[in-house]
C-alpha atoms as a PDB file:
ATOM      1  CA  MET A   1     -11.832  -0.989 -21.449  1.00  0.00           C
ATOM      2  CA  LYS A   2     -11.062   0.761 -18.181  1.00  0.00           C
ATOM      3  CA  THR A   3      -7.497   0.426 -16.912  1.00  0.00           C
ATOM      4  CA  ARG A   4      -6.890  -0.393 -13.209  1.00  0.00           C
ATOM      5  CA  PRO A   5      -4.828   2.258 -11.347  1.00  0.00           C
ATOM      6  CA  ASN A   6      -1.334   1.230 -10.327  1.00  0.00           C
ATOM      7  CA  PHE A   7      -0.459   0.860  -6.691  1.00  0.00           C
ATOM      8  CA  SER A   8       1.284   4.373  -6.576  1.00  0.00           C
ATOM      9  CA  ALA A   9      -1.975   6.009  -7.745  1.00  0.00           C
ATOM     10  CA  LEU A  10      -3.924   4.128  -5.107  1.00  0.00           C
ATOM     11  CA  LEU A  11      -1.437   4.917  -2.388  1.00  0.00           C
ATOM     12  CA  GLN A  12      -1.527   8.639  -3.323  1.00  0.00           C
ATOM     13  CA  ALA A  13      -5.342   8.599  -3.268  1.00  0.00           C
ATOM     14  CA  CYS A  14      -5.211   6.885   0.156  1.00  0.00           C
ATOM     15  CA  PHE A  15      -3.263   9.731   1.554  1.00  0.00           C
ATOM     16  CA  THR A  16      -4.698  12.774  -0.277  1.00  0.00           C
ATOM     17  CA  GLU A  17      -8.356  11.757  -0.637  1.00  0.00           C
ATOM     18  CA  ARG A  18      -9.114   9.308   2.120  1.00  0.00           C
ATOM     19  CA  LEU A  19      -6.945  10.140   5.090  1.00  0.00           C
ATOM     20  CA  MET A  20      -6.527  13.951   4.628  1.00  0.00           C
ATOM     21  CA  ALA A  21      -9.816  14.949   3.032  1.00  0.00           C
ATOM     22  CA  GLN A  22     -12.403  12.407   4.106  1.00  0.00           C
ATOM     23  CA  CYS A  23     -11.150  11.185   7.493  1.00  0.00           C
ATOM     24  CA  ASN A  24      -9.463  14.477   8.610  1.00  0.00           C
ATOM     25  CA  ALA A  25      -6.680  12.288  10.021  1.00  0.00           C
ATOM     26  CA  SER A  26      -4.091  13.754  12.394  1.00  0.00           C
ATOM     27  CA  PRO A  27      -0.553  14.294  11.270  1.00  0.00           C
ATOM     28  CA  HIS A  28       0.575  11.461  13.539  1.00  0.00           C
ATOM     29  CA  THR A  29      -1.900   9.039  11.916  1.00  0.00           C
ATOM     30  CA  ILE A  30      -0.726  10.098   8.462  1.00  0.00           C
ATOM     31  CA  ALA A  31       2.871   9.653   9.531  1.00  0.00           C
ATOM     32  CA  SER A  32       2.103   6.160  10.820  1.00  0.00           C
ATOM     33  CA  TYR A  33       0.620   5.137   7.521  1.00  0.00           C
ATOM     34  CA  ARG A  34       3.492   6.588   5.676  1.00  0.00           C
ATOM     35  CA  ASP A  35       6.012   4.657   7.736  1.00  0.00           C
ATOM     36  CA  THR A  36       4.034   1.490   7.328  1.00  0.00           C
ATOM     37  CA  PHE A  37       3.895   1.857   3.485  1.00  0.00           C
ATOM     38  CA  ARG A  38       7.571   2.644   3.441  1.00  0.00           C
ATOM     39  CA  LEU A  39       8.282  -0.742   5.219  1.00  0.00           C
ATOM     40  CA  LEU A  40       5.895  -2.538   2.908  1.00  0.00           C
ATOM     41  CA  LEU A  41       7.648  -1.074  -0.221  1.00  0.00           C
ATOM     42  CA  GLU A  42      11.130  -1.725   1.145  1.00  0.00           C
ATOM     43  CA  TYR A  43      10.165  -5.391   1.683  1.00  0.00           C
ATOM     44  CA  ALA A  44       8.293  -5.788  -1.655  1.00  0.00           C
ATOM     45  CA  GLN A  45      10.961  -4.404  -3.909  1.00  0.00           C
ATOM     46  CA  PRO A  46      13.573  -7.242  -3.381  1.00  0.00           C
ATOM     47  CA  GLN A  47      10.927  -9.890  -3.099  1.00  0.00           C
ATOM     48  CA  LEU A  48       9.041  -9.064  -6.234  1.00  0.00           C
ATOM     49  CA  HIS A  49      11.886  -7.612  -8.201  1.00  0.00           C
ATOM     50  CA  LYS A  50       9.901  -4.486  -8.972  1.00  0.00           C
ATOM     51  CA  SER A  51      10.416  -0.933  -8.134  1.00  0.00           C
ATOM     52  CA  PRO A  52       7.647   0.734  -5.982  1.00  0.00           C
ATOM     53  CA  SER A  53       6.523   2.831  -8.943  1.00  0.00           C
ATOM     54  CA  THR A  54       5.829  -0.319 -11.013  1.00  0.00           C
ATOM     55  CA  LEU A  55       3.852  -2.256  -8.335  1.00  0.00           C
ATOM     56  CA  ALA A  56       0.286  -3.224  -8.929  1.00  0.00           C
ATOM     57  CA  LEU A  57      -2.204  -4.068  -6.087  1.00  0.00           C
ATOM     58  CA  GLU A  58      -2.346  -7.542  -7.553  1.00  0.00           C
ATOM     59  CA  ASP A  59       1.350  -8.007  -6.827  1.00  0.00           C
ATOM     60  CA  LEU A  60       0.537  -7.918  -3.167  1.00  0.00           C
ATOM     61  CA  ASP A  61      -1.459 -11.160  -3.283  1.00  0.00           C
ATOM     62  CA  ALA A  62      -1.697 -14.249  -1.043  1.00  0.00           C
ATOM     63  CA  PRO A  63       1.672 -15.824  -2.226  1.00  0.00           C
ATOM     64  CA  PHE A  64       3.393 -12.495  -1.530  1.00  0.00           C
ATOM     65  CA  LYS A  65       1.797 -12.179   1.947  1.00  0.00           C
ATOM     66  CA  GLY A  66       2.654 -15.743   2.739  1.00  0.00           C
ATOM     67  CA  ARG A  67       6.346 -15.442   2.273  1.00  0.00           C
ATOM     68  CA  PRO A  68       8.309 -15.452   5.565  1.00  0.00           C
ATOM     69  CA  ALA A  69       9.539 -12.045   6.393  1.00  0.00           C
ATOM     70  CA  ARG A  70      10.237  -9.625   9.157  1.00  0.00           C
ATOM     71  CA  TYR A  71       7.597  -7.323   7.755  1.00  0.00           C
ATOM     72  CA  ARG A  72       4.371  -8.379   6.032  1.00  0.00           C
ATOM     73  CA  PRO A  73       1.479  -6.281   4.901  1.00  0.00           C
ATOM     74  CA  ASP A  74      -1.449  -6.208   7.291  1.00  0.00           C
ATOM     75  CA  ASP A  75      -4.681  -7.756   6.019  1.00  0.00           C
ATOM     76  CA  GLN A  76      -6.672  -4.765   7.308  1.00  0.00           C
ATOM     77  CA  LEU A  77      -4.370  -2.393   5.409  1.00  0.00           C
ATOM     78  CA  LEU A  78      -4.769  -4.323   2.077  1.00  0.00           C
ATOM     79  CA  ALA A  79      -8.567  -4.425   2.668  1.00  0.00           C
ATOM     80  CA  PHE A  80      -8.514  -0.657   3.144  1.00  0.00           C
ATOM     81  CA  LEU A  81      -6.680  -0.092  -0.096  1.00  0.00           C
ATOM     82  CA  GLN A  82      -8.972  -2.363  -2.041  1.00  0.00           C
ATOM     83  CA  GLY A  83     -11.956  -0.442  -0.795  1.00  0.00           C
ATOM     84  CA  LEU A  84     -10.654   2.783  -2.466  1.00  0.00           C
END
């Protein structure tokens, strides 16, 4: 049975494989994604009672996204991650 990668592994792949290697993204684009993910993780930790290192992609589901908050993950961002 194949295990699904955790969110940290997907996030690392997003930066190292997708943005840097495949897309040849600029340093400004990479910094923007970094800051966006930082906000997402800072919001998710108290809401889900999980540290960022233990998050799974499934934790960022519809009920999580539907919670009122100052910061919410962007649908486009989540679709991008699911496509990795």
